[in-house]
């Protein structure tokens, strides 16, 4: 919700980047797609191995976030309404299981946080 507020006030064009350009930048890009009325399927394309994102690792919780919206609310309520009124962060964290090998690669080999 904080990023949505910033997005509404930002001057365009804008540039988004993070340390590796894979996870946080992908999440922000996916959120912008959702803010602009796009689909979860399209937002998920911003979280890709082509950009260095691995959904089997701990960072896959970002994919799980968009997938949860797709399964629970897409086509029923707008994305930001779902985030504000229905999204359960604790449940997402509880339900998401990261792969150990992929997490080791992301955290130790690639040294991502």
PDB file of N, CA and C in Angstrom:
ATOM      1  N   UNK A   1       0.832  -1.182   0.000  1.00  0.00           N
ATOM      2  CA  UNK A   1       0.000   0.000   0.000  1.00  0.00           C
ATOM      3  C   UNK A   1       0.880   1.250   0.000  1.00  0.00           C
ATOM      4  N   UNK A   2       2.000   1.156   0.700  1.00  0.00           N
ATOM      5  CA  UNK A   2       2.928   2.294   0.734  1.00  0.00           C
ATOM      6  C   UNK A   2       3.470   2.582  -0.672  1.00  0.00           C
ATOM      7  N   UNK A   3       3.841   1.529  -1.410  1.00  0.00           N
ATOM      8  CA  UNK A   3       4.339   1.715  -2.769  1.00  0.00           C
ATOM      9  C   UNK A   3       3.244   2.265  -3.678  1.00  0.00           C
ATOM     10  N   UNK A   4       2.015   1.835  -3.486  1.00  0.00           N
ATOM     11  CA  UNK A   4       0.902   2.356  -4.286  1.00  0.00           C
ATOM     12  C   UNK A   4       0.752   3.857  -4.068  1.00  0.00           C
ATOM     13  N   UNK A   5       0.895   4.293  -2.832  1.00  0.00           N
ATOM     14  CA  UNK A   5       0.834   5.725  -2.537  1.00  0.00           C
ATOM     15  C   UNK A   5       1.957   6.489  -3.208  1.00  0.00           C
ATOM     16  N   UNK A   6       3.161   5.940  -3.165  1.00  0.00           N
ATOM     17  CA  UNK A   6       4.301   6.580  -3.833  1.00  0.00           C
ATOM     18  C   UNK A   6       4.079   6.627  -5.336  1.00  0.00           C
ATOM     19  N   UNK A   7       3.582   5.536  -5.884  1.00  0.00           N
ATOM     20  CA  UNK A   7       3.362   5.450  -7.327  1.00  0.00           C
ATOM     21  C   UNK A   7       2.372   6.516  -7.800  1.00  0.00           C
ATOM     22  N   UNK A   8       1.384   6.815  -7.005  1.00  0.00           N
ATOM     23  CA  UNK A   8       0.394   7.820  -7.380  1.00  0.00           C
ATOM     24  C   UNK A   8       0.979   9.233  -7.377  1.00  0.00           C
ATOM     25  N   UNK A   9       2.076   9.449  -6.655  1.00  0.00           N
ATOM     26  CA  UNK A   9       2.648  10.784  -6.529  1.00  0.00           C
ATOM     27  C   UNK A   9       3.922  10.993  -7.340  1.00  0.00           C
ATOM     28  N   UNK A  10       4.476   9.947  -7.892  1.00  0.00           N
ATOM     29  CA  UNK A  10       5.781  10.015  -8.540  1.00  0.00           C
ATOM     30  C   UNK A  10       5.711  10.749  -9.880  1.00  0.00           C
ATOM     31  N   UNK A  11       6.801  11.407 -10.224  1.00  0.00           N
ATOM     32  CA  UNK A  11       6.897  12.052 -11.536  1.00  0.00           C
ATOM     33  C   UNK A  11       7.373  11.019 -12.552  1.00  0.00           C
ATOM     34  N   UNK A  12       6.840  11.090 -13.746  1.00  0.00           N
ATOM     35  CA  UNK A  12       7.201  10.156 -14.804  1.00  0.00           C
ATOM     36  C   UNK A  12       8.033  10.861 -15.855  1.00  0.00           C
ATOM     37  N   UNK A  13       8.916  10.184 -16.535  1.00  0.00           N
ATOM     38  CA  UNK A  13       9.194   8.752 -16.413  1.00  0.00           C
ATOM     39  C   UNK A  13       9.924   8.452 -15.110  1.00  0.00           C
ATOM     40  N   UNK A  14       9.869   7.207 -14.710  1.00  0.00           N
ATOM     41  CA  UNK A  14      10.531   6.796 -13.481  1.00  0.00           C
ATOM     42  C   UNK A  14      11.482   5.636 -13.776  1.00  0.00           C
ATOM     43  N   UNK A  15      12.407   5.415 -12.869  1.00  0.00           N
ATOM     44  CA  UNK A  15      13.370   4.330 -12.989  1.00  0.00           C
ATOM     45  C   UNK A  15      13.308   3.520 -11.709  1.00  0.00           C
ATOM     46  N   UNK A  16      13.190   2.205 -11.839  1.00  0.00           N
ATOM     47  CA  UNK A  16      13.201   1.321 -10.677  1.00  0.00           C
ATOM     48  C   UNK A  16      14.417   0.416 -10.789  1.00  0.00           C
ATOM     49  N   UNK A  17      15.110   0.236  -9.689  1.00  0.00           N
ATOM     50  CA  UNK A  17      16.241  -0.675  -9.676  1.00  0.00           C
ATOM     51  C   UNK A  17      16.480  -1.135  -8.247  1.00  0.00           C
ATOM     52  N   UNK A  18      17.072  -2.309  -8.103  1.00  0.00           N
ATOM     53  CA  UNK A  18      17.509  -2.796  -6.805  1.00  0.00           C
ATOM     54  C   UNK A  18      18.908  -3.366  -6.978  1.00  0.00           C
ATOM     55  N   UNK A  19      19.474  -3.857  -5.921  1.00  0.00           N
ATOM     56  CA  UNK A  19      20.858  -4.340  -5.949  1.00  0.00           C
ATOM     57  C   UNK A  19      21.133  -5.301  -7.102  1.00  0.00           C
ATOM     58  N   UNK A  20      20.300  -6.314  -7.255  1.00  0.00           N
ATOM     59  CA  UNK A  20      20.543  -7.307  -8.305  1.00  0.00           C
ATOM     60  C   UNK A  20      19.628  -7.131  -9.508  1.00  0.00           C
ATOM     61  N   UNK A  21      18.567  -6.356  -9.359  1.00  0.00           N
ATOM     62  CA  UNK A  21      17.640  -6.152 -10.457  1.00  0.00           C
ATOM     63  C   UNK A  21      16.707  -7.323 -10.706  1.00  0.00           C
ATOM     64  N   UNK A  22      16.622  -8.251  -9.754  1.00  0.00           N
ATOM     65  CA  UNK A  22      15.857  -9.475  -9.980  1.00  0.00           C
ATOM     66  C   UNK A  22      14.574  -9.555  -9.157  1.00  0.00           C
ATOM     67  N   UNK A  23      14.664  -9.308  -7.899  1.00  0.00           N
ATOM     68  CA  UNK A  23      13.540  -9.593  -7.015  1.00  0.00           C
ATOM     69  C   UNK A  23      12.733  -8.341  -6.665  1.00  0.00           C
ATOM     70  N   UNK A  24      13.340  -7.380  -6.001  1.00  0.00           N
ATOM     71  CA  UNK A  24      12.594  -6.172  -5.633  1.00  0.00           C
ATOM     72  C   UNK A  24      12.178  -5.375  -6.856  1.00  0.00           C
ATOM     73  N   UNK A  25      13.048  -5.262  -7.835  1.00  0.00           N
ATOM     74  CA  UNK A  25      12.680  -4.553  -9.072  1.00  0.00           C
ATOM     75  C   UNK A  25      11.568  -5.315  -9.800  1.00  0.00           C
ATOM     76  N   UNK A  26      11.647  -6.635  -9.794  1.00  0.00           N
ATOM     77  CA  UNK A  26      10.591  -7.447 -10.405  1.00  0.00           C
ATOM     78  C   UNK A  26       9.273  -7.294  -9.683  1.00  0.00           C
ATOM     79  N   UNK A  27       9.326  -7.266  -8.344  1.00  0.00           N
ATOM     80  CA  UNK A  27       8.107  -7.062  -7.561  1.00  0.00           C
ATOM     81  C   UNK A  27       7.507  -5.700  -7.869  1.00  0.00           C
ATOM     82  N   UNK A  28       8.336  -4.662  -7.853  1.00  0.00           N
ATOM     83  CA  UNK A  28       7.836  -3.312  -8.131  1.00  0.00           C
ATOM     84  C   UNK A  28       7.245  -3.237  -9.537  1.00  0.00           C
ATOM     85  N   UNK A  29       7.898  -3.862 -10.508  1.00  0.00           N
ATOM     86  CA  UNK A  29       7.379  -3.864 -11.880  1.00  0.00           C
ATOM     87  C   UNK A  29       6.040  -4.593 -11.946  1.00  0.00           C
ATOM     88  N   UNK A  30       5.942  -5.713 -11.258  1.00  0.00           N
ATOM     89  CA  UNK A  30       4.684  -6.454 -11.216  1.00  0.00           C
ATOM     90  C   UNK A  30       3.578  -5.655 -10.551  1.00  0.00           C
ATOM     91  N   UNK A  31       3.923  -4.939  -9.484  1.00  0.00           N
ATOM     92  CA  UNK A  31       2.924  -4.104  -8.815  1.00  0.00           C
ATOM     93  C   UNK A  31       2.425  -2.991  -9.727  1.00  0.00           C
ATOM     94  N   UNK A  32       3.340  -2.374 -10.466  1.00  0.00           N
ATOM     95  CA  UNK A  32       2.924  -1.324 -11.404  1.00  0.00           C
ATOM     96  C   UNK A  32       1.947  -1.888 -12.429  1.00  0.00           C
ATOM     97  N   UNK A  33       2.219  -3.068 -12.907  1.00  0.00           N
ATOM     98  CA  UNK A  33       1.287  -3.708 -13.851  1.00  0.00           C
ATOM     99  C   UNK A  33      -0.087  -3.860 -13.212  1.00  0.00           C
ATOM    100  N   UNK A  34      -0.117  -4.284 -11.969  1.00  0.00           N
ATOM    101  CA  UNK A  34      -1.392  -4.448 -11.270  1.00  0.00           C
ATOM    102  C   UNK A  34      -2.066  -3.100 -11.035  1.00  0.00           C
ATOM    103  N   UNK A  35      -1.297  -2.072 -10.655  1.00  0.00           N
ATOM    104  CA  UNK A  35      -1.868  -0.735 -10.442  1.00  0.00           C
ATOM    105  C   UNK A  35      -2.518  -0.208 -11.714  1.00  0.00           C
ATOM    106  N   UNK A  36      -1.946  -0.577 -12.853  1.00  0.00           N
ATOM    107  CA  UNK A  36      -2.437  -0.085 -14.140  1.00  0.00           C
ATOM    108  C   UNK A  36      -3.539  -0.974 -14.717  1.00  0.00           C
ATOM    109  N   UNK A  37      -4.024  -1.939 -13.930  1.00  0.00           N
ATOM    110  CA  UNK A  37      -5.144  -2.777 -14.361  1.00  0.00           C
ATOM    111  C   UNK A  37      -4.747  -4.057 -15.066  1.00  0.00           C
ATOM    112  N   UNK A  38      -3.474  -4.412 -14.999  1.00  0.00           N
ATOM    113  CA  UNK A  38      -3.005  -5.643 -15.630  1.00  0.00           C
ATOM    114  C   UNK A  38      -3.389  -6.885 -14.844  1.00  0.00           C
ATOM    115  N   UNK A  39      -2.975  -8.017 -15.351  1.00  0.00           N
ATOM    116  CA  UNK A  39      -3.310  -9.296 -14.730  1.00  0.00           C
ATOM    117  C   UNK A  39      -2.143  -9.836 -13.905  1.00  0.00           C
ATOM    118  N   UNK A  40      -2.471 -10.741 -13.012  1.00  0.00           N
ATOM    119  CA  UNK A  40      -1.432 -11.410 -12.224  1.00  0.00           C
ATOM    120  C   UNK A  40      -0.516 -12.205 -13.152  1.00  0.00           C
ATOM    121  N   UNK A  41      -1.073 -12.807 -14.174  1.00  0.00           N
ATOM    122  CA  UNK A  41      -0.259 -13.560 -15.127  1.00  0.00           C
ATOM    123  C   UNK A  41       0.809 -12.659 -15.751  1.00  0.00           C
ATOM    124  N   UNK A  42       0.417 -11.461 -16.132  1.00  0.00           N
ATOM    125  CA  UNK A  42       1.374 -10.518 -16.723  1.00  0.00           C
ATOM    126  C   UNK A  42       2.385 -10.042 -15.676  1.00  0.00           C
ATOM    127  N   UNK A  43       1.930  -9.771 -14.463  1.00  0.00           N
ATOM    128  CA  UNK A  43       2.821  -9.320 -13.387  1.00  0.00           C
ATOM    129  C   UNK A  43       3.878 -10.378 -13.080  1.00  0.00           C
ATOM    130  N   UNK A  44       3.485 -11.639 -13.119  1.00  0.00           N
ATOM    131  CA  UNK A  44       4.423 -12.729 -12.830  1.00  0.00           C
ATOM    132  C   UNK A  44       5.567 -12.803 -13.844  1.00  0.00           C
ATOM    133  N   UNK A  45       5.348 -12.290 -15.039  1.00  0.00           N
ATOM    134  CA  UNK A  45       6.409 -12.308 -16.051  1.00  0.00           C
ATOM    135  C   UNK A  45       7.562 -11.381 -15.685  1.00  0.00           C
ATOM    136  N   UNK A  46       7.336 -10.462 -14.762  1.00  0.00           N
ATOM    137  CA  UNK A  46       8.409  -9.577 -14.289  1.00  0.00           C
ATOM    138  C   UNK A  46       9.318 -10.287 -13.282  1.00  0.00           C
ATOM    139  N   UNK A  47       8.850 -11.400 -12.765  1.00  0.00           N
ATOM    140  CA  UNK A  47       9.618 -12.232 -11.844  1.00  0.00           C
ATOM    141  C   UNK A  47      10.077 -13.463 -12.613  1.00  0.00           C
ATOM    142  N   UNK A  48      11.186 -13.343 -13.289  1.00  0.00           N
ATOM    143  CA  UNK A  48      11.615 -14.384 -14.210  1.00  0.00           C
ATOM    144  C   UNK A  48      13.069 -14.775 -13.971  1.00  0.00           C
ATOM    145  N   UNK A  49      13.386 -16.022 -14.274  1.00  0.00           N
ATOM    146  CA  UNK A  49      14.769 -16.478 -14.182  1.00  0.00           C
ATOM    147  C   UNK A  49      15.652 -15.691 -15.151  1.00  0.00           C
ATOM    148  N   UNK A  50      15.032 -15.157 -16.230  1.00  0.00           N
ATOM    149  CA  UNK A  50      15.809 -14.347 -17.184  1.00  0.00           C
ATOM    150  C   UNK A  50      16.396 -13.107 -16.522  1.00  0.00           C
ATOM    151  N   UNK A  51      15.749 -12.642 -15.449  1.00  0.00           N
ATOM    152  CA  UNK A  51      16.227 -11.476 -14.715  1.00  0.00           C
ATOM    153  C   UNK A  51      16.989 -11.880 -13.457  1.00  0.00           C
ATOM    154  N   UNK A  52      17.197 -13.186 -13.273  1.00  0.00           N
ATOM    155  CA  UNK A  52      17.907 -13.673 -12.093  1.00  0.00           C
ATOM    156  C   UNK A  52      17.007 -13.996 -10.916  1.00  0.00           C
ATOM    157  N   UNK A  53      15.713 -14.106 -11.154  1.00  0.00           N
ATOM    158  CA  UNK A  53      14.764 -14.440 -10.082  1.00  0.00           C
ATOM    159  C   UNK A  53      14.461 -15.938 -10.136  1.00  0.00           C
ATOM    160  N   UNK A  54      14.486 -16.572  -8.973  1.00  0.00           N
ATOM    161  CA  UNK A  54      14.230 -18.013  -8.888  1.00  0.00           C
ATOM    162  C   UNK A  54      13.056 -18.258  -7.953  1.00  0.00           C
ATOM    163  N   UNK A  55      11.940 -18.669  -8.522  1.00  0.00           N
ATOM    164  CA  UNK A  55      10.724 -18.823  -7.724  1.00  0.00           C
ATOM    165  C   UNK A  55      10.783 -19.993  -6.750  1.00  0.00           C
ATOM    166  N   UNK A  56      11.737 -20.900  -6.925  1.00  0.00           N
ATOM    167  CA  UNK A  56      11.855 -22.019  -5.988  1.00  0.00           C
ATOM    168  C   UNK A  56      12.591 -21.616  -4.717  1.00  0.00           C
ATOM    169  N   UNK A  57      13.258 -20.453  -4.723  1.00  0.00           N
ATOM    170  CA  UNK A  57      14.004 -19.996  -3.547  1.00  0.00           C
ATOM    171  C   UNK A  57      13.093 -19.190  -2.623  1.00  0.00           C
ATOM    172  N   UNK A  58      13.673 -18.642  -1.565  1.00  0.00           N
ATOM    173  CA  UNK A  58      12.894 -17.836  -0.620  1.00  0.00           C
ATOM    174  C   UNK A  58      12.211 -16.660  -1.315  1.00  0.00           C
ATOM    175  N   UNK A  59      12.827 -16.131  -2.373  1.00  0.00           N
ATOM    176  CA  UNK A  59      12.229 -15.000  -3.089  1.00  0.00           C
ATOM    177  C   UNK A  59      10.987 -15.396  -3.876  1.00  0.00           C
ATOM    178  N   UNK A  60      10.718 -16.670  -3.967  1.00  0.00           N
ATOM    179  CA  UNK A  60       9.511 -17.154  -4.627  1.00  0.00           C
ATOM    180  C   UNK A  60       8.238 -16.738  -3.916  1.00  0.00           C
ATOM    181  N   UNK A  61       8.370 -16.236  -2.700  1.00  0.00           N
ATOM    182  CA  UNK A  61       7.183 -15.738  -2.001  1.00  0.00           C
ATOM    183  C   UNK A  61       6.562 -14.567  -2.760  1.00  0.00           C
ATOM    184  N   UNK A  62       7.377 -13.877  -3.563  1.00  0.00           N
ATOM    185  CA  UNK A  62       6.851 -12.795  -4.395  1.00  0.00           C
ATOM    186  C   UNK A  62       5.899 -13.356  -5.453  1.00  0.00           C
ATOM    187  N   UNK A  63       6.276 -14.471  -6.058  1.00  0.00           N
ATOM    188  CA  UNK A  63       5.400 -15.146  -7.017  1.00  0.00           C
ATOM    189  C   UNK A  63       4.123 -15.602  -6.311  1.00  0.00           C
ATOM    190  N   UNK A  64       4.298 -16.167  -5.118  1.00  0.00           N
ATOM    191  CA  UNK A  64       3.163 -16.682  -4.357  1.00  0.00           C
ATOM    192  C   UNK A  64       2.156 -15.574  -4.048  1.00  0.00           C
ATOM    193  N   UNK A  65       2.646 -14.360  -3.842  1.00  0.00           N
ATOM    194  CA  UNK A  65       1.768 -13.215  -3.592  1.00  0.00           C
ATOM    195  C   UNK A  65       0.841 -12.965  -4.781  1.00  0.00           C
ATOM    196  N   UNK A  66       1.407 -12.878  -5.974  1.00  0.00           N
ATOM    197  CA  UNK A  66       0.588 -12.652  -7.169  1.00  0.00           C
ATOM    198  C   UNK A  66      -0.310 -13.851  -7.463  1.00  0.00           C
ATOM    199  N   UNK A  67       0.198 -15.057  -7.254  1.00  0.00           N
ATOM    200  CA  UNK A  67      -0.610 -16.257  -7.468  1.00  0.00           C
ATOM    201  C   UNK A  67      -1.787 -16.316  -6.497  1.00  0.00           C
ATOM    202  N   UNK A  68      -1.570 -15.855  -5.280  1.00  0.00           N
ATOM    203  CA  UNK A  68      -2.656 -15.848  -4.294  1.00  0.00           C
ATOM    204  C   UNK A  68      -3.764 -14.894  -4.738  1.00  0.00           C
ATOM    205  N   UNK A  69      -3.375 -13.709  -5.214  1.00  0.00           N
ATOM    206  CA  UNK A  69      -4.397 -12.785  -5.734  1.00  0.00           C
ATOM    207  C   UNK A  69      -5.133 -13.420  -6.911  1.00  0.00           C
ATOM    208  N   UNK A  70      -4.390 -14.028  -7.816  1.00  0.00           N
ATOM    209  CA  UNK A  70      -4.993 -14.646  -8.995  1.00  0.00           C
ATOM    210  C   UNK A  70      -6.034 -15.694  -8.577  1.00  0.00           C
ATOM    211  N   UNK A  71      -5.687 -16.509  -7.597  1.00  0.00           N
ATOM    212  CA  UNK A  71      -6.576 -17.590  -7.161  1.00  0.00           C
ATOM    213  C   UNK A  71      -7.759 -17.098  -6.329  1.00  0.00           C
ATOM    214  N   UNK A  72      -7.535 -16.091  -5.508  1.00  0.00           N
ATOM    215  CA  UNK A  72      -8.565 -15.664  -4.560  1.00  0.00           C
ATOM    216  C   UNK A  72      -9.472 -14.545  -5.058  1.00  0.00           C
ATOM    217  N   UNK A  73      -8.943 -13.645  -5.891  1.00  0.00           N
ATOM    218  CA  UNK A  73      -9.714 -12.430  -6.105  1.00  0.00           C
ATOM    219  C   UNK A  73      -9.697 -11.854  -7.517  1.00  0.00           C
ATOM    220  N   UNK A  74      -8.776 -12.286  -8.367  1.00  0.00           N
ATOM    221  CA  UNK A  74      -8.703 -11.681  -9.693  1.00  0.00           C
ATOM    222  C   UNK A  74     -10.023 -11.879 -10.427  1.00  0.00           C
ATOM    223  N   UNK A  75     -10.546 -10.803 -10.985  1.00  0.00           N
ATOM    224  CA  UNK A  75     -11.835 -10.838 -11.653  1.00  0.00           C
ATOM    225  C   UNK A  75     -13.003 -10.606 -10.718  1.00  0.00           C
ATOM    226  N   UNK A  76     -12.739 -10.659  -9.412  1.00  0.00           N
ATOM    227  CA  UNK A  76     -13.792 -10.436  -8.411  1.00  0.00           C
ATOM    228  C   UNK A  76     -13.681  -9.051  -7.798  1.00  0.00           C
ATOM    229  N   UNK A  77     -12.476  -8.670  -7.394  1.00  0.00           N
ATOM    230  CA  UNK A  77     -12.265  -7.336  -6.822  1.00  0.00           C
ATOM    231  C   UNK A  77     -10.939  -6.774  -7.330  1.00  0.00           C
ATOM    232  N   UNK A  78     -10.820  -5.459  -7.388  1.00  0.00           N
ATOM    233  CA  UNK A  78      -9.559  -4.852  -7.828  1.00  0.00           C
ATOM    234  C   UNK A  78      -8.397  -5.213  -6.900  1.00  0.00           C
ATOM    235  N   UNK A  79      -7.222  -5.242  -7.480  1.00  0.00           N
ATOM    236  CA  UNK A  79      -6.014  -5.659  -6.767  1.00  0.00           C
ATOM    237  C   UNK A  79      -5.809  -4.894  -5.454  1.00  0.00           C
ATOM    238  N   UNK A  80      -5.816  -3.572  -5.501  1.00  0.00           N
ATOM    239  CA  UNK A  80      -5.545  -2.803  -4.277  1.00  0.00           C
ATOM    240  C   UNK A  80      -6.621  -3.001  -3.222  1.00  0.00           C
ATOM    241  N   UNK A  81      -7.854  -3.220  -3.626  1.00  0.00           N
ATOM    242  CA  UNK A  81      -8.905  -3.533  -2.650  1.00  0.00           C
ATOM    243  C   UNK A  81      -8.606  -4.854  -1.966  1.00  0.00           C
ATOM    244  N   UNK A  82      -8.147  -5.835  -2.734  1.00  0.00           N
ATOM    245  CA  UNK A  82      -7.785  -7.131  -2.158  1.00  0.00           C
ATOM    246  C   UNK A  82      -6.633  -6.977  -1.173  1.00  0.00           C
ATOM    247  N   UNK A  83      -5.602  -6.236  -1.570  1.00  0.00           N
ATOM    248  CA  UNK A  83      -4.451  -6.035  -0.680  1.00  0.00           C
ATOM    249  C   UNK A  83      -4.911  -5.368   0.614  1.00  0.00           C
ATOM    250  N   UNK A  84      -5.705  -4.331   0.504  1.00  0.00           N
ATOM    251  CA  UNK A  84      -6.139  -3.573   1.676  1.00  0.00           C
ATOM    252  C   UNK A  84      -7.111  -4.361   2.550  1.00  0.00           C
ATOM    253  N   UNK A  85      -8.048  -5.092   1.947  1.00  0.00           N
ATOM    254  CA  UNK A  85      -9.152  -5.670   2.716  1.00  0.00           C
ATOM    255  C   UNK A  85      -9.073  -7.170   2.975  1.00  0.00           C
ATOM    256  N   UNK A  86      -8.367  -7.920   2.119  1.00  0.00           N
ATOM    257  CA  UNK A  86      -8.428  -9.375   2.240  1.00  0.00           C
ATOM    258  C   UNK A  86      -7.075 -10.073   2.359  1.00  0.00           C
ATOM    259  N   UNK A  87      -6.031  -9.486   1.827  1.00  0.00           N
ATOM    260  CA  UNK A  87      -4.714 -10.129   1.806  1.00  0.00           C
ATOM    261  C   UNK A  87      -4.271 -10.459   3.222  1.00  0.00           C
ATOM    262  N   UNK A  88      -3.794 -11.679   3.412  1.00  0.00           N
ATOM    263  CA  UNK A  88      -3.341 -12.153   4.718  1.00  0.00           C
ATOM    264  C   UNK A  88      -1.857 -12.499   4.607  1.00  0.00           C
ATOM    265  N   UNK A  89      -1.011 -11.560   4.986  1.00  0.00           N
ATOM    266  CA  UNK A  89       0.436 -11.752   4.884  1.00  0.00           C
ATOM    267  C   UNK A  89       0.906 -12.936   5.716  1.00  0.00           C
ATOM    268  N   UNK A  90       0.378 -13.084   6.907  1.00  0.00           N
ATOM    269  CA  UNK A  90       0.780 -14.200   7.778  1.00  0.00           C
ATOM    270  C   UNK A  90       0.457 -15.541   7.129  1.00  0.00           C
ATOM    271  N   UNK A  91      -0.695 -15.645   6.495  1.00  0.00           N
ATOM    272  CA  UNK A  91      -1.077 -16.900   5.833  1.00  0.00           C
ATOM    273  C   UNK A  91      -0.157 -17.185   4.655  1.00  0.00           C
ATOM    274  N   UNK A  92       0.199 -16.152   3.891  1.00  0.00           N
ATOM    275  CA  UNK A  92       1.109 -16.353   2.760  1.00  0.00           C
ATOM    276  C   UNK A  92       2.451 -16.869   3.259  1.00  0.00           C
ATOM    277  N   UNK A  93       2.979 -16.258   4.306  1.00  0.00           N
ATOM    278  CA  UNK A  93       4.264 -16.695   4.869  1.00  0.00           C
ATOM    279  C   UNK A  93       4.171 -18.112   5.416  1.00  0.00           C
ATOM    280  N   UNK A  94       3.065 -18.438   6.041  1.00  0.00           N
ATOM    281  CA  UNK A  94       2.868 -19.770   6.606  1.00  0.00           C
ATOM    282  C   UNK A  94       2.785 -20.830   5.519  1.00  0.00           C
ATOM    283  N   UNK A  95       2.116 -20.515   4.430  1.00  0.00           N
ATOM    284  CA  UNK A  95       1.859 -21.482   3.372  1.00  0.00           C
ATOM    285  C   UNK A  95       3.016 -21.653   2.384  1.00  0.00           C
ATOM    286  N   UNK A  96       3.872 -20.650   2.259  1.00  0.00           N
ATOM    287  CA  UNK A  96       4.941 -20.703   1.274  1.00  0.00           C
ATOM    288  C   UNK A  96       6.100 -21.561   1.781  1.00  0.00           C
ATOM    289  N   UNK A  97       6.549 -22.472   0.930  1.00  0.00           N
ATOM    290  CA  UNK A  97       7.694 -23.332   1.253  1.00  0.00           C
ATOM    291  C   UNK A  97       8.753 -23.145   0.169  1.00  0.00           C
ATOM    292  N   UNK A  98       9.914 -22.686   0.591  1.00  0.00           N
ATOM    293  CA  UNK A  98      11.016 -22.459  -0.353  1.00  0.00           C
ATOM    294  C   UNK A  98      11.858 -23.717  -0.469  1.00  0.00           C
ATOM    295  N   UNK A  99      12.396 -23.915  -1.652  1.00  0.00           N
ATOM    296  CA  UNK A  99      13.308 -25.031  -1.866  1.00  0.00           C
ATOM    297  C   UNK A  99      14.669 -24.753  -1.233  1.00  0.00           C
ATOM    298  N   UNK A 100      15.246 -25.755  -0.627  1.00  0.00           N
ATOM    299  CA  UNK A 100      16.518 -25.569   0.083  1.00  0.00           C
ATOM    300  C   UNK A 100      17.683 -25.318  -0.873  1.00  0.00           C
ATOM    301  N   UNK A 101      17.747 -26.055  -1.956  1.00  0.00           N
ATOM    302  CA  UNK A 101      18.865 -25.890  -2.895  1.00  0.00           C
ATOM    303  C   UNK A 101      18.767 -24.535  -3.589  1.00  0.00           C
ATOM    304  N   UNK A 102      17.586 -24.170  -4.059  1.00  0.00           N
ATOM    305  CA  UNK A 102      17.407 -22.878  -4.732  1.00  0.00           C
ATOM    306  C   UNK A 102      17.695 -21.729  -3.767  1.00  0.00           C
ATOM    307  N   UNK A 103      17.273 -21.863  -2.519  1.00  0.00           N
ATOM    308  CA  UNK A 103      17.540 -20.823  -1.528  1.00  0.00           C
ATOM    309  C   UNK A 103      19.035 -20.717  -1.240  1.00  0.00           C
ATOM    310  N   UNK A 104      19.723 -21.849  -1.172  1.00  0.00           N
ATOM    311  CA  UNK A 104      21.167 -21.832  -0.974  1.00  0.00           C
ATOM    312  C   UNK A 104      21.848 -21.099  -2.136  1.00  0.00           C
ATOM    313  N   UNK A 105      21.427 -21.405  -3.353  1.00  0.00           N
ATOM    314  CA  UNK A 105      22.011 -20.740  -4.526  1.00  0.00           C
ATOM    315  C   UNK A 105      21.773 -19.233  -4.478  1.00  0.00           C
ATOM    316  N   UNK A 106      20.556 -18.840  -4.177  1.00  0.00           N
ATOM    317  CA  UNK A 106      20.223 -17.417  -4.139  1.00  0.00           C
ATOM    318  C   UNK A 106      20.932 -16.702  -2.994  1.00  0.00           C
ATOM    319  N   UNK A 107      20.908 -17.306  -1.809  1.00  0.00           N
ATOM    320  CA  UNK A 107      21.434 -16.641  -0.622  1.00  0.00           C
ATOM    321  C   UNK A 107      22.958 -16.717  -0.496  1.00  0.00           C
ATOM    322  N   UNK A 108      23.526 -17.885  -0.778  1.00  0.00           N
ATOM    323  CA  UNK A 108      24.951 -18.082  -0.529  1.00  0.00           C
ATOM    324  C   UNK A 108      25.823 -17.904  -1.773  1.00  0.00           C
ATOM    325  N   UNK A 109      25.394 -18.456  -2.882  1.00  0.00           N
ATOM    326  CA  UNK A 109      26.201 -18.390  -4.099  1.00  0.00           C
ATOM    327  C   UNK A 109      26.053 -17.024  -4.771  1.00  0.00           C
ATOM    328  N   UNK A 110      24.820 -16.599  -4.985  1.00  0.00           N
ATOM    329  CA  UNK A 110      24.585 -15.301  -5.624  1.00  0.00           C
ATOM    330  C   UNK A 110      24.651 -14.137  -4.637  1.00  0.00           C
ATOM    331  N   UNK A 111      24.590 -14.477  -3.345  1.00  0.00           N
ATOM    332  CA  UNK A 111      24.676 -13.493  -2.248  1.00  0.00           C
ATOM    333  C   UNK A 111      23.599 -12.425  -2.311  1.00  0.00           C
ATOM    334  N   UNK A 112      22.363 -12.885  -2.483  1.00  0.00           N
ATOM    335  CA  UNK A 112      21.221 -11.972  -2.457  1.00  0.00           C
ATOM    336  C   UNK A 112      20.648 -11.969  -1.055  1.00  0.00           C
ATOM    337  N   UNK A 113      19.961 -10.903  -0.736  1.00  0.00           N
ATOM    338  CA  UNK A 113      19.283 -10.870   0.561  1.00  0.00           C
ATOM    339  C   UNK A 113      17.809 -11.039   0.402  1.00  0.00           C
TER     340      UNK A 113
END
